[in-house]
Amino acid sequence: MYVTISDFIKEWNKESMLTQKVLDGLTDDSLDQLVYPEGRTLGRIAWHLTTNIPEYLANFGLQINVVENADNVPTSAKEIAETFRNVSSYSAKMIEEQWTDETLKQVQNAFGREETNAMIIMGLIKHIVHHRGQVTILMRQAGIKPFGVYGPPKEDWIRLGVENPPL
């Protein structure tokens, strides 16, 4: 739980940087990778985790610009990655400018539950991490080596001389 805006911004910057590295590894062709035949695409999920950030924050009272044309998934992986870079930086700035340490203690209705603003923004990070995990799996299915978020992917373990990497 975050007690200060500074605590949140530190974690936000770390998780945003990890997500950015994942998104920077996408290719235009990989965006069409399906979760399952009738499911969403890798591009749709990556675009959702990007465009949802300001929508989520606006829902909880921040004055923030949302991404225009958020329903139209780009066909360019670079556009998705660049939009994430801009949105994540801009969103952190808006939180720093509009909320205080005291604001984090305020309670709001969040998806049918009473939660503090600290819990709400922690939920935003968890939402991004959840979808980032989906993206890394779909990257692997699309034939792309994913970035090692909290540890190396299998190719890096092998390069390090570990034949049977830990699970």
C-alpha atoms as a PDB file:
ATOM      1  CA  MET A   1       0.000   0.000   0.000  1.00  0.00           C
ATOM      2  CA  TYR A   2       1.210   3.487  -0.762  1.00  0.00           C
ATOM      3  CA  VAL A   3       1.507   6.020   2.044  1.00  0.00           C
ATOM      4  CA  THR A   4       2.974   8.770  -0.115  1.00  0.00           C
ATOM      5  CA  ILE A   5       2.668   9.835  -3.726  1.00  0.00           C
ATOM      6  CA  SER A   6       6.441   9.450  -3.910  1.00  0.00           C
ATOM      7  CA  ASP A   7       6.122   5.755  -2.942  1.00  0.00           C
ATOM      8  CA  PHE A   8       3.612   5.232  -5.724  1.00  0.00           C
ATOM      9  CA  ILE A   9       5.681   7.114  -8.317  1.00  0.00           C
ATOM     10  CA  LYS A  10       8.753   4.981  -7.527  1.00  0.00           C
ATOM     11  CA  GLU A  11       6.826   1.769  -8.125  1.00  0.00           C
ATOM     12  CA  TRP A  12       4.956   3.243 -11.107  1.00  0.00           C
ATOM     13  CA  ASN A  13       8.235   4.219 -12.774  1.00  0.00           C
ATOM     14  CA  LYS A  14       9.716   0.763 -12.195  1.00  0.00           C
ATOM     15  CA  GLU A  15       6.674  -1.123 -13.481  1.00  0.00           C
ATOM     16  CA  SER A  16       6.223   1.279 -16.407  1.00  0.00           C
ATOM     17  CA  MET A  17       9.845   0.776 -17.436  1.00  0.00           C
ATOM     18  CA  LEU A  18       9.406  -3.023 -17.347  1.00  0.00           C
ATOM     19  CA  THR A  19       6.190  -2.777 -19.359  1.00  0.00           C
ATOM     20  CA  GLN A  20       7.894  -0.440 -21.815  1.00  0.00           C
ATOM     21  CA  LYS A  21      10.654  -2.988 -22.413  1.00  0.00           C
ATOM     22  CA  VAL A  22       8.043  -5.655 -23.118  1.00  0.00           C
ATOM     23  CA  LEU A  23       6.097  -3.418 -25.505  1.00  0.00           C
ATOM     24  CA  ASP A  24       9.294  -2.308 -27.256  1.00  0.00           C
ATOM     25  CA  GLY A  25       9.813  -5.972 -28.209  1.00  0.00           C
ATOM     26  CA  LEU A  26       6.555  -6.225 -30.159  1.00  0.00           C
ATOM     27  CA  THR A  27       6.547  -6.416 -33.945  1.00  0.00           C
ATOM     28  CA  ASP A  28       3.800  -5.346 -36.318  1.00  0.00           C
ATOM     29  CA  ASP A  29       3.205  -8.986 -37.298  1.00  0.00           C
ATOM     30  CA  SER A  30       2.946 -10.109 -33.664  1.00  0.00           C
ATOM     31  CA  LEU A  31      -0.012  -7.810 -33.022  1.00  0.00           C
ATOM     32  CA  ASP A  32      -2.305 -10.281 -34.808  1.00  0.00           C
ATOM     33  CA  GLN A  33      -1.456 -13.168 -32.447  1.00  0.00           C
ATOM     34  CA  LEU A  34      -4.742 -14.450 -31.024  1.00  0.00           C
ATOM     35  CA  VAL A  35      -5.285 -15.606 -27.460  1.00  0.00           C
ATOM     36  CA  TYR A  36      -7.572 -18.292 -28.908  1.00  0.00           C
ATOM     37  CA  PRO A  37      -9.558 -18.435 -32.180  1.00  0.00           C
ATOM     38  CA  GLU A  38     -12.388 -16.129 -31.060  1.00  0.00           C
ATOM     39  CA  GLY A  39     -10.248 -14.183 -28.586  1.00  0.00           C
ATOM     40  CA  ARG A  40      -8.540 -10.852 -28.473  1.00  0.00           C
ATOM     41  CA  THR A  41      -5.269 -10.220 -30.224  1.00  0.00           C
ATOM     42  CA  LEU A  42      -1.936  -9.347 -28.700  1.00  0.00           C
ATOM     43  CA  GLY A  43      -2.337  -5.888 -30.229  1.00  0.00           C
ATOM     44  CA  ARG A  44      -5.761  -5.417 -28.608  1.00  0.00           C
ATOM     45  CA  ILE A  45      -4.410  -6.373 -25.171  1.00  0.00           C
ATOM     46  CA  ALA A  46      -1.315  -4.161 -25.490  1.00  0.00           C
ATOM     47  CA  TRP A  47      -3.467  -1.256 -26.676  1.00  0.00           C
ATOM     48  CA  HIS A  48      -5.971  -1.825 -23.849  1.00  0.00           C
ATOM     49  CA  LEU A  49      -3.318  -1.765 -21.127  1.00  0.00           C
ATOM     50  CA  THR A  50      -2.030   1.470 -22.668  1.00  0.00           C
ATOM     51  CA  THR A  51      -5.258   3.362 -23.261  1.00  0.00           C
ATOM     52  CA  ASN A  52      -6.925   2.178 -20.065  1.00  0.00           C
ATOM     53  CA  ILE A  53      -4.471   4.070 -17.836  1.00  0.00           C
ATOM     54  CA  PRO A  54      -5.953   7.566 -18.278  1.00  0.00           C
ATOM     55  CA  GLU A  55      -9.511   6.175 -18.561  1.00  0.00           C
ATOM     56  CA  TYR A  56      -9.052   4.415 -15.217  1.00  0.00           C
ATOM     57  CA  LEU A  57      -7.628   7.525 -13.548  1.00  0.00           C
ATOM     58  CA  ALA A  58     -10.365   9.775 -14.959  1.00  0.00           C
ATOM     59  CA  ASN A  59     -12.922   7.378 -13.500  1.00  0.00           C
ATOM     60  CA  PHE A  60     -11.515   8.154 -10.051  1.00  0.00           C
ATOM     61  CA  GLY A  61     -11.501  11.920 -10.322  1.00  0.00           C
ATOM     62  CA  LEU A  62      -8.269  12.912 -11.989  1.00  0.00           C
ATOM     63  CA  GLN A  63      -8.500  15.577 -14.665  1.00  0.00           C
ATOM     64  CA  ILE A  64      -6.627  13.786 -17.421  1.00  0.00           C
ATOM     65  CA  ASN A  65      -6.802  13.525 -21.187  1.00  0.00           C
ATOM     66  CA  VAL A  66      -7.740  10.102 -22.472  1.00  0.00           C
ATOM     67  CA  VAL A  67      -6.248   8.552 -25.609  1.00  0.00           C
ATOM     68  CA  GLU A  68      -8.180   9.576 -28.703  1.00  0.00           C
ATOM     69  CA  ASN A  69      -9.457   6.719 -30.873  1.00  0.00           C
ATOM     70  CA  ALA A  70      -8.830   4.246 -28.050  1.00  0.00           C
ATOM     71  CA  ASP A  71     -11.186   1.768 -29.745  1.00  0.00           C
ATOM     72  CA  ASN A  72      -8.986   1.602 -32.861  1.00  0.00           C
ATOM     73  CA  VAL A  73      -6.038  -0.723 -32.289  1.00  0.00           C
ATOM     74  CA  PRO A  74      -2.998   0.508 -34.235  1.00  0.00           C
ATOM     75  CA  THR A  75      -1.317  -1.824 -36.709  1.00  0.00           C
ATOM     76  CA  SER A  76       2.054  -0.430 -35.663  1.00  0.00           C
ATOM     77  CA  ALA A  77       3.813  -1.951 -32.658  1.00  0.00           C
ATOM     78  CA  LYS A  78       5.969   1.158 -32.472  1.00  0.00           C
ATOM     79  CA  GLU A  79       2.851   3.329 -32.144  1.00  0.00           C
ATOM     80  CA  ILE A  80       1.569   1.229 -29.245  1.00  0.00           C
ATOM     81  CA  ALA A  81       4.939   1.336 -27.469  1.00  0.00           C
ATOM     82  CA  GLU A  82       5.326   5.080 -28.025  1.00  0.00           C
ATOM     83  CA  THR A  83       1.787   5.771 -26.837  1.00  0.00           C
ATOM     84  CA  PHE A  84       2.462   3.746 -23.677  1.00  0.00           C
ATOM     85  CA  ARG A  85       5.659   5.733 -23.071  1.00  0.00           C
ATOM     86  CA  ASN A  86       3.746   9.015 -23.344  1.00  0.00           C
ATOM     87  CA  VAL A  87       0.669   7.876 -21.401  1.00  0.00           C
ATOM     88  CA  SER A  88       2.623   6.402 -18.486  1.00  0.00           C
ATOM     89  CA  SER A  89       4.764   9.513 -18.085  1.00  0.00           C
ATOM     90  CA  TYR A  90       1.812  11.879 -18.459  1.00  0.00           C
ATOM     91  CA  SER A  91      -0.318   9.892 -16.006  1.00  0.00           C
ATOM     92  CA  ALA A  92       2.378   9.955 -13.325  1.00  0.00           C
ATOM     93  CA  LYS A  93       2.664  13.715 -13.789  1.00  0.00           C
ATOM     94  CA  MET A  94      -1.112  14.155 -13.426  1.00  0.00           C
ATOM     95  CA  ILE A  95      -1.164  12.114 -10.216  1.00  0.00           C
ATOM     96  CA  GLU A  96       1.742  14.124  -8.777  1.00  0.00           C
ATOM     97  CA  GLU A  97       0.044  17.409  -9.691  1.00  0.00           C
ATOM     98  CA  GLN A  98      -3.489  16.559  -8.559  1.00  0.00           C
ATOM     99  CA  TRP A  99      -3.173  14.201  -5.607  1.00  0.00           C
ATOM    100  CA  THR A 100      -1.354  14.538  -2.303  1.00  0.00           C
ATOM    101  CA  ASP A 101      -0.338  12.088   0.379  1.00  0.00           C
ATOM    102  CA  GLU A 102      -3.626  12.944   2.101  1.00  0.00           C
ATOM    103  CA  THR A 103      -5.586  12.234  -1.096  1.00  0.00           C
ATOM    104  CA  LEU A 104      -4.328   8.653  -0.952  1.00  0.00           C
ATOM    105  CA  LYS A 105      -6.344   8.115   2.246  1.00  0.00           C
ATOM    106  CA  GLN A 106      -9.639   9.251   0.729  1.00  0.00           C
ATOM    107  CA  VAL A 107     -12.198   6.520   0.081  1.00  0.00           C
ATOM    108  CA  GLN A 108     -14.175   6.069  -3.141  1.00  0.00           C
ATOM    109  CA  ASN A 109     -16.419   3.436  -4.628  1.00  0.00           C
ATOM    110  CA  ALA A 110     -14.270   1.323  -6.908  1.00  0.00           C
ATOM    111  CA  PHE A 111     -16.045  -1.393  -8.852  1.00  0.00           C
ATOM    112  CA  GLY A 112     -18.642  -1.855  -6.122  1.00  0.00           C
ATOM    113  CA  ARG A 113     -16.170  -1.753  -3.214  1.00  0.00           C
ATOM    114  CA  GLU A 114     -15.088   1.036  -0.909  1.00  0.00           C
ATOM    115  CA  GLU A 115     -11.357   1.577  -1.460  1.00  0.00           C
ATOM    116  CA  THR A 116      -8.814   4.235  -0.640  1.00  0.00           C
ATOM    117  CA  ASN A 117      -7.194   6.080  -3.510  1.00  0.00           C
ATOM    118  CA  ALA A 118      -3.964   4.271  -2.556  1.00  0.00           C
ATOM    119  CA  MET A 119      -5.717   0.941  -3.164  1.00  0.00           C
ATOM    120  CA  ILE A 120      -7.204   2.242  -6.406  1.00  0.00           C
ATOM    121  CA  ILE A 121      -3.844   3.211  -7.902  1.00  0.00           C
ATOM    122  CA  MET A 122      -2.312  -0.034  -6.657  1.00  0.00           C
ATOM    123  CA  GLY A 123      -5.115  -1.740  -8.596  1.00  0.00           C
ATOM    124  CA  LEU A 124      -4.045   0.165 -11.706  1.00  0.00           C
ATOM    125  CA  ILE A 125      -0.516  -1.203 -11.414  1.00  0.00           C
ATOM    126  CA  LYS A 126      -1.866  -4.718 -10.878  1.00  0.00           C
ATOM    127  CA  HIS A 127      -4.057  -4.328 -13.958  1.00  0.00           C
ATOM    128  CA  ILE A 128      -1.045  -3.377 -16.071  1.00  0.00           C
ATOM    129  CA  VAL A 129       1.035  -6.249 -14.653  1.00  0.00           C
ATOM    130  CA  HIS A 130      -1.797  -8.699 -15.384  1.00  0.00           C
ATOM    131  CA  HIS A 131      -2.010  -7.664 -19.028  1.00  0.00           C
ATOM    132  CA  ARG A 132       1.771  -7.429 -19.364  1.00  0.00           C
ATOM    133  CA  GLY A 133       1.894 -11.117 -18.430  1.00  0.00           C
ATOM    134  CA  GLN A 134      -0.637 -11.910 -21.138  1.00  0.00           C
ATOM    135  CA  VAL A 135       1.432  -9.943 -23.643  1.00  0.00           C
ATOM    136  CA  THR A 136       4.632 -11.840 -22.825  1.00  0.00           C
ATOM    137  CA  ILE A 137       2.897 -15.200 -23.308  1.00  0.00           C
ATOM    138  CA  LEU A 138       1.409 -14.099 -26.622  1.00  0.00           C
ATOM    139  CA  MET A 139       4.809 -12.792 -27.725  1.00  0.00           C
ATOM    140  CA  ARG A 140       6.245 -16.252 -27.121  1.00  0.00           C
ATOM    141  CA  GLN A 141       3.382 -17.793 -29.119  1.00  0.00           C
ATOM    142  CA  ALA A 142       4.108 -15.293 -31.913  1.00  0.00           C
ATOM    143  CA  GLY A 143       7.734 -16.450 -32.011  1.00  0.00           C
ATOM    144  CA  ILE A 144       9.234 -13.462 -30.197  1.00  0.00           C
ATOM    145  CA  LYS A 145      11.622 -13.794 -27.257  1.00  0.00           C
ATOM    146  CA  PRO A 146       9.976 -11.732 -24.511  1.00  0.00           C
ATOM    147  CA  PHE A 147      11.855  -9.356 -22.257  1.00  0.00           C
ATOM    148  CA  GLY A 148      12.688 -10.930 -18.893  1.00  0.00           C
ATOM    149  CA  VAL A 149      10.514  -8.871 -16.579  1.00  0.00           C
ATOM    150  CA  TYR A 150      11.363 -10.315 -13.152  1.00  0.00           C
ATOM    151  CA  GLY A 151      13.926 -12.822 -14.365  1.00  0.00           C
ATOM    152  CA  PRO A 152      15.531 -14.039 -17.561  1.00  0.00           C
ATOM    153  CA  PRO A 153      13.578 -15.791 -20.312  1.00  0.00           C
ATOM    154  CA  LYS A 154      14.723 -19.322 -21.192  1.00  0.00           C
ATOM    155  CA  GLU A 155      17.073 -18.108 -23.966  1.00  0.00           C
ATOM    156  CA  ASP A 156      18.995 -15.943 -21.504  1.00  0.00           C
ATOM    157  CA  TRP A 157      19.220 -18.778 -18.960  1.00  0.00           C
ATOM    158  CA  ILE A 158      20.679 -21.001 -21.672  1.00  0.00           C
ATOM    159  CA  ARG A 159      23.118 -18.266 -22.718  1.00  0.00           C
ATOM    160  CA  LEU A 160      24.183 -18.110 -19.061  1.00  0.00           C
ATOM    161  CA  GLY A 161      24.940 -21.844 -19.185  1.00  0.00           C
ATOM    162  CA  VAL A 162      21.829 -23.081 -17.364  1.00  0.00           C
ATOM    163  CA  GLU A 163      20.444 -25.964 -19.415  1.00  0.00           C
ATOM    164  CA  ASN A 164      17.378 -26.580 -17.236  1.00  0.00           C
ATOM    165  CA  PRO A 165      16.233 -23.160 -16.029  1.00  0.00           C
ATOM    166  CA  PRO A 166      14.228 -22.960 -12.793  1.00  0.00           C
ATOM    167  CA  LEU A 167      10.467 -22.813 -13.158  1.00  0.00           C
END
